[in-house]
Protein backbone atom coordinates (compact mmCIF):
# COMPACT_ATOMS: atom_id res chain seq x y z
CA MET A 1 -7.76 -8.33 16.46
CA THR A 2 -9.98 -9.17 13.37
CA PRO A 3 -9.32 -12.55 11.91
CA SER A 4 -7.45 -11.46 9.01
CA LEU A 5 -5.45 -9.19 11.15
CA ASP A 6 -3.82 -11.86 13.29
CA ILE A 7 -0.72 -13.51 13.10
CA LEU A 8 -0.07 -17.02 13.13
CA THR A 9 4.25 -18.16 12.80
CA GLU A 10 3.78 -21.66 13.53
CA SER A 11 1.18 -24.04 14.69
CA THR A 12 2.02 -25.76 17.98
CA LEU A 13 -0.36 -29.04 17.82
CA PRO A 14 0.43 -32.06 18.48
CA ASN A 15 2.09 -35.08 16.18
CA ARG A 16 4.02 -32.17 13.93
CA ILE A 17 5.40 -34.08 10.65
CA TYR A 18 6.72 -31.64 8.82
CA ARG A 19 7.34 -27.96 8.86
CA GLY A 20 7.87 -25.99 5.28
CA LYS A 21 8.72 -22.92 4.39
CA VAL A 22 5.13 -21.78 4.98
CA ARG A 23 2.95 -24.89 5.79
CA ASP A 24 3.12 -26.91 8.71
CA SER A 25 1.83 -30.44 8.70
CA HIS A 26 -0.02 -32.11 11.83
CA GLU A 27 -0.53 -36.23 11.11
CA ILE A 28 -4.03 -37.03 12.08
CA ASP A 29 -3.82 -40.93 11.79
CA LYS A 30 -2.39 -43.18 8.88
CA ASN A 31 -4.00 -41.89 6.26
CA SER A 32 -4.39 -37.65 7.03
CA LEU A 33 -3.09 -34.75 7.57
CA LEU A 34 -4.19 -31.29 9.28
CA ILE A 35 -2.17 -28.71 6.89
CA VAL A 36 -1.68 -25.34 8.53
CA SER A 37 -0.95 -22.42 6.62
CA THR A 38 0.88 -19.78 8.61
CA ASP A 39 1.37 -16.27 7.73
CA ARG A 40 5.26 -17.03 7.22
CA ILE A 41 6.18 -15.95 3.78
CA SER A 42 9.37 -16.84 1.58
CA ALA A 43 11.00 -15.32 -0.82
CA TYR A 44 14.07 -17.08 -3.56
CA ASP A 45 13.56 -20.37 -1.33
CA VAL A 46 14.32 -18.21 1.90
CA VAL A 47 12.08 -17.74 4.79
CA ILE A 48 11.60 -13.69 5.79
CA PRO A 49 11.92 -12.95 9.12
CA THR A 50 8.96 -10.97 8.97
CA ALA A 51 5.25 -12.32 8.92
CA ILE A 52 2.01 -11.30 7.08
CA PRO A 53 -0.95 -11.23 9.12
CA GLY A 54 -3.92 -13.16 8.32
CA LYS A 55 -1.91 -14.17 5.15
CA GLY A 56 -2.32 -17.87 6.14
CA ALA A 57 -6.04 -17.93 5.95
CA ILE A 58 -5.83 -16.53 2.65
CA LEU A 59 -3.81 -19.18 1.45
CA ASN A 60 -6.01 -21.90 2.95
CA GLN A 61 -9.18 -20.45 2.12
CA MET A 62 -8.28 -19.93 -1.48
CA SER A 63 -6.85 -23.11 -2.47
CA THR A 64 -10.19 -24.39 -0.74
CA PHE A 65 -11.96 -22.59 -3.00
CA TRP A 66 -9.90 -23.77 -6.24
CA PHE A 67 -9.77 -27.44 -5.24
CA ASN A 68 -13.55 -27.63 -4.91
CA LYS A 69 -13.44 -25.88 -8.54
CA THR A 70 -11.13 -28.19 -10.12
CA LYS A 71 -12.18 -31.24 -8.67
CA SER A 72 -14.16 -32.18 -11.70
CA ILE A 73 -10.38 -32.08 -13.51
CA ILE A 74 -8.32 -34.59 -11.12
CA ARG A 75 -9.18 -35.27 -7.74
CA ASN A 76 -7.24 -33.96 -4.69
CA HIS A 77 -6.09 -34.54 -1.22
CA LEU A 78 -8.20 -31.67 0.18
CA MET A 79 -11.39 -33.55 2.74
CA LYS A 80 -12.62 -30.88 4.29
CA PRO A 81 -11.33 -27.63 5.87
CA ALA A 82 -11.02 -26.80 9.83
CA LEU A 83 -12.91 -23.87 10.16
CA GLY A 84 -15.79 -25.20 12.24
CA ASP A 85 -14.01 -27.31 13.62
CA ASP A 86 -14.39 -26.73 17.64
CA SER A 87 -11.57 -28.89 18.60
CA LEU A 88 -9.06 -26.14 17.34
CA PRO A 89 -7.90 -22.71 18.38
CA GLU A 90 -10.00 -20.60 16.40
CA SER A 91 -6.84 -19.43 14.69
CA ILE A 92 -5.59 -22.66 13.42
CA GLN A 93 -9.03 -22.95 11.78
CA ARG A 94 -9.24 -20.67 9.35
CA ARG A 95 -5.62 -21.56 8.27
CA ALA A 96 -6.11 -25.12 8.57
CA MET A 97 -7.60 -27.89 6.15
CA PHE A 98 -8.00 -31.87 6.80
CA VAL A 99 -6.03 -33.51 3.80
CA ARG A 100 -5.45 -36.78 2.78
CA LYS A 101 -2.49 -38.35 2.75
CA ALA A 102 -0.37 -38.32 -0.74
CA ASN A 103 3.15 -39.59 -1.71
CA ARG A 104 4.56 -36.82 -3.38
CA ILE A 105 5.98 -36.50 -6.89
CA ASP A 106 9.11 -34.17 -6.13
CA ILE A 107 8.37 -32.17 -9.59
CA GLU A 108 6.80 -28.79 -9.71
CA CYS A 109 4.80 -28.43 -11.80
CA VAL A 110 4.77 -24.99 -13.74
CA ALA A 111 2.16 -23.92 -16.06
CA ARG A 112 2.87 -20.09 -17.99
CA GLY A 113 1.12 -17.95 -19.65
CA TYR A 114 3.30 -15.36 -20.00
CA ILE A 115 7.12 -15.16 -20.05
CA THR A 116 8.30 -13.01 -16.80
CA GLY A 117 10.49 -13.99 -13.57
CA SER A 118 12.56 -16.70 -13.96
CA ALA A 119 11.55 -17.58 -17.81
CA LEU A 120 12.83 -14.16 -18.57
CA GLU A 121 16.14 -14.62 -17.30
CA GLU A 122 16.53 -17.51 -19.08
CA TYR A 123 14.67 -15.88 -22.60
CA ASN A 124 17.50 -13.17 -22.07
CA ASP A 125 20.67 -15.49 -21.66
CA THR A 126 19.57 -18.54 -24.65
CA GLN A 127 16.35 -17.01 -25.88
CA THR A 128 14.75 -20.55 -24.89
CA VAL A 129 12.50 -21.61 -21.35
CA ALA A 130 12.82 -24.72 -20.09
CA LYS A 131 15.42 -25.25 -22.54
CA ILE A 132 12.90 -24.55 -25.65
CA LYS A 133 13.51 -21.99 -28.32
CA MET A 134 10.98 -19.16 -28.31
CA PRO A 135 9.71 -16.43 -30.48
CA LYS A 136 12.80 -13.24 -31.13
CA ASP A 137 11.97 -9.95 -29.36
CA LEU A 138 9.81 -11.10 -26.34
CA VAL A 139 9.52 -8.62 -23.31
CA ASP A 140 8.76 -9.03 -19.71
CA GLY A 141 4.55 -9.63 -19.49
CA ASP A 142 4.23 -10.63 -23.21
CA LYS A 143 2.25 -14.03 -23.44
CA PHE A 144 2.88 -16.98 -25.24
CA PRO A 145 1.08 -17.97 -28.39
CA GLU A 146 -0.13 -21.28 -25.82
CA PRO A 147 0.54 -22.02 -22.57
CA ILE A 148 4.29 -23.72 -21.81
CA PHE A 149 5.25 -26.07 -19.16
CA THR A 150 8.08 -25.38 -17.03
CA PRO A 151 8.90 -28.04 -14.93
CA ALA A 152 11.27 -27.85 -11.61
CA THR A 153 12.92 -30.18 -8.77
CA LYS A 154 11.92 -29.99 -5.52
CA ALA A 155 14.22 -29.19 -3.39
CA SER A 156 13.68 -29.75 0.57
CA GLU A 157 16.35 -27.29 0.95
CA GLY A 158 18.04 -24.71 -1.02
CA HIS A 159 17.04 -24.00 -4.34
CA ASP A 160 14.61 -25.52 -6.66
CA GLU A 161 16.08 -26.00 -9.65
CA ASN A 162 14.67 -25.09 -13.37
CA ILE A 163 14.42 -28.65 -15.42
CA SER A 164 13.80 -29.58 -19.23
CA ILE A 165 10.86 -32.07 -20.02
CA GLU A 166 13.50 -34.65 -21.35
CA ASP A 167 15.08 -34.39 -17.93
CA MET A 168 11.58 -34.75 -16.26
CA LYS A 169 11.06 -38.04 -18.43
CA ASN A 170 14.43 -39.16 -17.01
CA ILE A 171 13.46 -39.13 -13.55
CA ILE A 172 9.97 -39.79 -13.54
CA GLY A 173 9.21 -41.62 -17.16
CA ASN A 174 7.63 -40.47 -20.14
CA ASP A 175 3.85 -41.54 -19.54
CA LEU A 176 3.66 -39.50 -16.10
CA THR A 177 5.73 -36.85 -17.40
CA ASN A 178 2.95 -36.31 -20.03
CA ARG A 179 -0.09 -37.01 -18.05
CA LEU A 180 1.47 -33.92 -15.37
CA LYS A 181 2.11 -31.68 -18.11
CA GLU A 182 -1.59 -32.61 -19.69
CA LEU A 183 -3.04 -32.09 -16.45
CA THR A 184 -1.00 -28.97 -15.30
CA LEU A 185 -2.02 -26.85 -19.10
CA ASN A 186 -5.89 -27.79 -18.46
CA ILE A 187 -6.10 -26.35 -15.03
CA TYR A 188 -3.84 -23.21 -16.16
CA LYS A 189 -6.37 -22.67 -19.10
CA TYR A 190 -9.10 -23.37 -16.79
CA ALA A 191 -8.71 -20.99 -14.06
CA HIS A 192 -6.86 -18.38 -16.88
CA ASP A 193 -10.06 -18.11 -18.48
CA TYR A 194 -11.99 -18.05 -14.81
CA ALA A 195 -9.68 -15.42 -13.42
CA ILE A 196 -10.02 -12.94 -16.98
CA GLU A 197 -13.55 -12.62 -16.30
CA ARG A 198 -12.69 -11.05 -12.69
CA ASP A 199 -10.56 -8.65 -14.45
CA ILE A 200 -7.82 -11.06 -13.36
CA ILE A 201 -4.26 -12.15 -15.16
CA ILE A 202 -2.83 -15.26 -13.64
CA ALA A 203 0.71 -15.16 -15.67
CA ASP A 204 1.64 -18.34 -14.66
CA THR A 205 0.85 -21.07 -11.41
CA LYS A 206 2.85 -23.93 -9.98
CA LEU A 207 0.85 -27.04 -9.22
CA GLU A 208 2.34 -30.22 -7.33
CA PHE A 209 1.25 -33.68 -7.49
CA GLY A 210 1.40 -37.38 -5.63
CA PHE A 211 -0.35 -40.40 -5.61
CA ILE A 212 -3.46 -41.48 -2.80
CA ASP A 213 -3.98 -44.84 -2.79
CA GLY A 214 -2.21 -45.14 -5.71
CA LYS A 215 -4.03 -42.39 -7.48
CA LEU A 216 -2.53 -39.47 -9.17
CA SER A 217 -4.13 -36.32 -7.30
CA LEU A 218 -3.33 -32.76 -6.93
CA ILE A 219 -1.25 -31.79 -3.56
CA ASP A 220 -0.37 -28.69 -1.33
CA GLU A 221 -1.58 -25.55 -2.28
CA LEU A 222 -3.81 -24.75 -5.07
CA LEU A 223 -3.91 -20.91 -7.28
CA THR A 224 -2.44 -18.90 -4.50
CA PRO A 225 -1.16 -15.52 -4.21
CA ASP A 226 2.50 -17.50 -3.14
CA SER A 227 1.95 -20.07 -5.45
CA SER A 228 1.00 -17.94 -8.79
CA ARG A 229 1.55 -14.44 -10.19
CA PHE A 230 -1.87 -12.44 -10.48
CA TRP A 231 -1.81 -9.55 -12.76
CA ASP A 232 -4.60 -6.57 -12.75
CA LEU A 233 -6.06 -6.75 -16.63
CA HIS A 234 -6.93 -3.18 -16.60
CA GLY A 235 -2.86 -2.05 -16.16
CA TYR A 236 -1.99 -4.73 -18.22
CA SER A 237 1.22 -3.41 -20.90
CA PRO A 238 3.82 -5.98 -21.66
CA GLY A 239 7.42 -4.71 -21.20
CA LYS A 240 7.05 -3.19 -17.65
CA THR A 241 6.53 -4.44 -14.79
CA GLN A 242 2.86 -5.21 -14.10
CA PRO A 243 0.84 -4.67 -11.45
CA ASN A 244 0.12 -7.85 -9.23
CA TYR A 245 -1.87 -8.95 -6.52
CA ASP A 246 0.91 -11.71 -5.30
CA LYS A 247 3.97 -12.60 -3.59
CA GLN A 248 5.95 -10.81 -6.44
CA PHE A 249 5.92 -7.70 -4.53
CA VAL A 250 7.32 -8.83 -1.75
CA ARG A 251 10.06 -10.01 -4.04
CA ASN A 252 10.35 -6.55 -6.13
CA TRP A 253 11.68 -5.02 -2.75
CA LEU A 254 13.94 -7.60 -2.16
CA LEU A 255 15.78 -7.13 -5.40
CA SER A 256 16.01 -3.33 -4.21
CA GLN A 257 17.69 -4.65 -1.25
CA ASP A 258 21.40 -5.48 -0.89
CA TRP A 259 20.70 -9.38 -0.42
CA ASP A 260 22.06 -12.57 -1.97
CA ARG A 261 19.43 -14.28 -1.74
CA LYS A 262 20.55 -16.71 1.00
CA PRO A 263 19.68 -16.47 4.89
CA PRO A 264 19.36 -14.52 6.60
CA ALA A 265 16.56 -12.37 4.43
CA PRO A 266 16.11 -8.45 5.50
CA LYS A 267 13.17 -7.98 7.53
CA LEU A 268 10.42 -6.24 5.89
CA PRO A 269 9.27 -2.50 6.10
CA ASP A 270 5.72 -2.06 7.83
CA ASN A 271 4.54 -0.32 4.46
CA ILE A 272 5.71 -3.60 2.39
CA VAL A 273 3.64 -5.76 4.87
CA ALA A 274 0.35 -4.07 4.81
CA ASN A 275 0.66 -3.50 1.26
CA THR A 276 1.34 -6.83 0.34
CA ILE A 277 -1.54 -7.91 3.16
CA ALA A 278 -3.93 -5.58 1.00
CA ARG A 279 -2.97 -7.32 -2.11
CA TYR A 280 -3.64 -10.70 -1.18
CA HIS A 281 -7.29 -9.96 0.18
CA ASP A 282 -8.30 -8.30 -2.73
CA VAL A 283 -7.21 -11.18 -5.43
CA PHE A 284 -9.03 -13.57 -2.71
CA ASN A 285 -12.23 -11.65 -2.85
CA LYS A 286 -12.27 -10.78 -6.74
CA LEU A 287 -11.83 -14.75 -7.78
CA THR A 288 -13.76 -15.97 -4.84
CA ASN A 289 -16.39 -13.05 -4.70
CA GLN A 290 -16.30 -13.72 -0.96
CA GLN A 291 -14.86 -12.19 2.66
CA ILE A 292 -12.23 -14.01 4.18
CA GLN A 293 -12.81 -15.59 7.46
């Protein structure tokens, strides 16, 4: 098998302290972790019983790329990639990074440049997004006049819940809310402008933050096909489903099935798996000008 086509659904390394929907975290010492991005995939906060071969390597290496690109905007938890660390299996090296431990802020910080997904659902019901009044007659894929910030609570289990900025202020305070909003939008605008030059639209993205040694830092994953919507610039046309390079392809297939968004999720057919990994590879290559290792 080529490196991109092997499958890793679980890390069996010692000292695992956390298993998320996609990532396994292993304690290295009191200050650091090894985070392994597996090939698991989730949708609607449910882990799908079918893995996407090589997906973890793409998530890991794309996050590494963006952490390095954005470190002038804000510090992040990346210490170094695991690639080249011969104490680890090769399948882990490609999918892992060493990071500093952080005290996570339990808010998902979402920047949206275009209306789609849950934002569109709210808009169609109330003409608001994150409880903010929006212009009339927006359709799926329309660009907002300016990117907007739409936070959500981060649930350990079950579904994350969109909240208003006022709700966020009540949870973590005015100053931290304003700082996270500013950082989220700055990172989004930087990445959006970078991607447009490479014929990719970043429609929205989800960021997570925490404190490392008391300093606000970017953590988790960054601007990956799991955490962002990537659209093809030349195929972009509001009012229809956009040509995408992200997890939305899997979500769209799931929406076509008789599934209530509760576990267990249906298994993905082979053609959906193959098409998904091809899209992830394409956007990685376009944005980084690199080949996956």
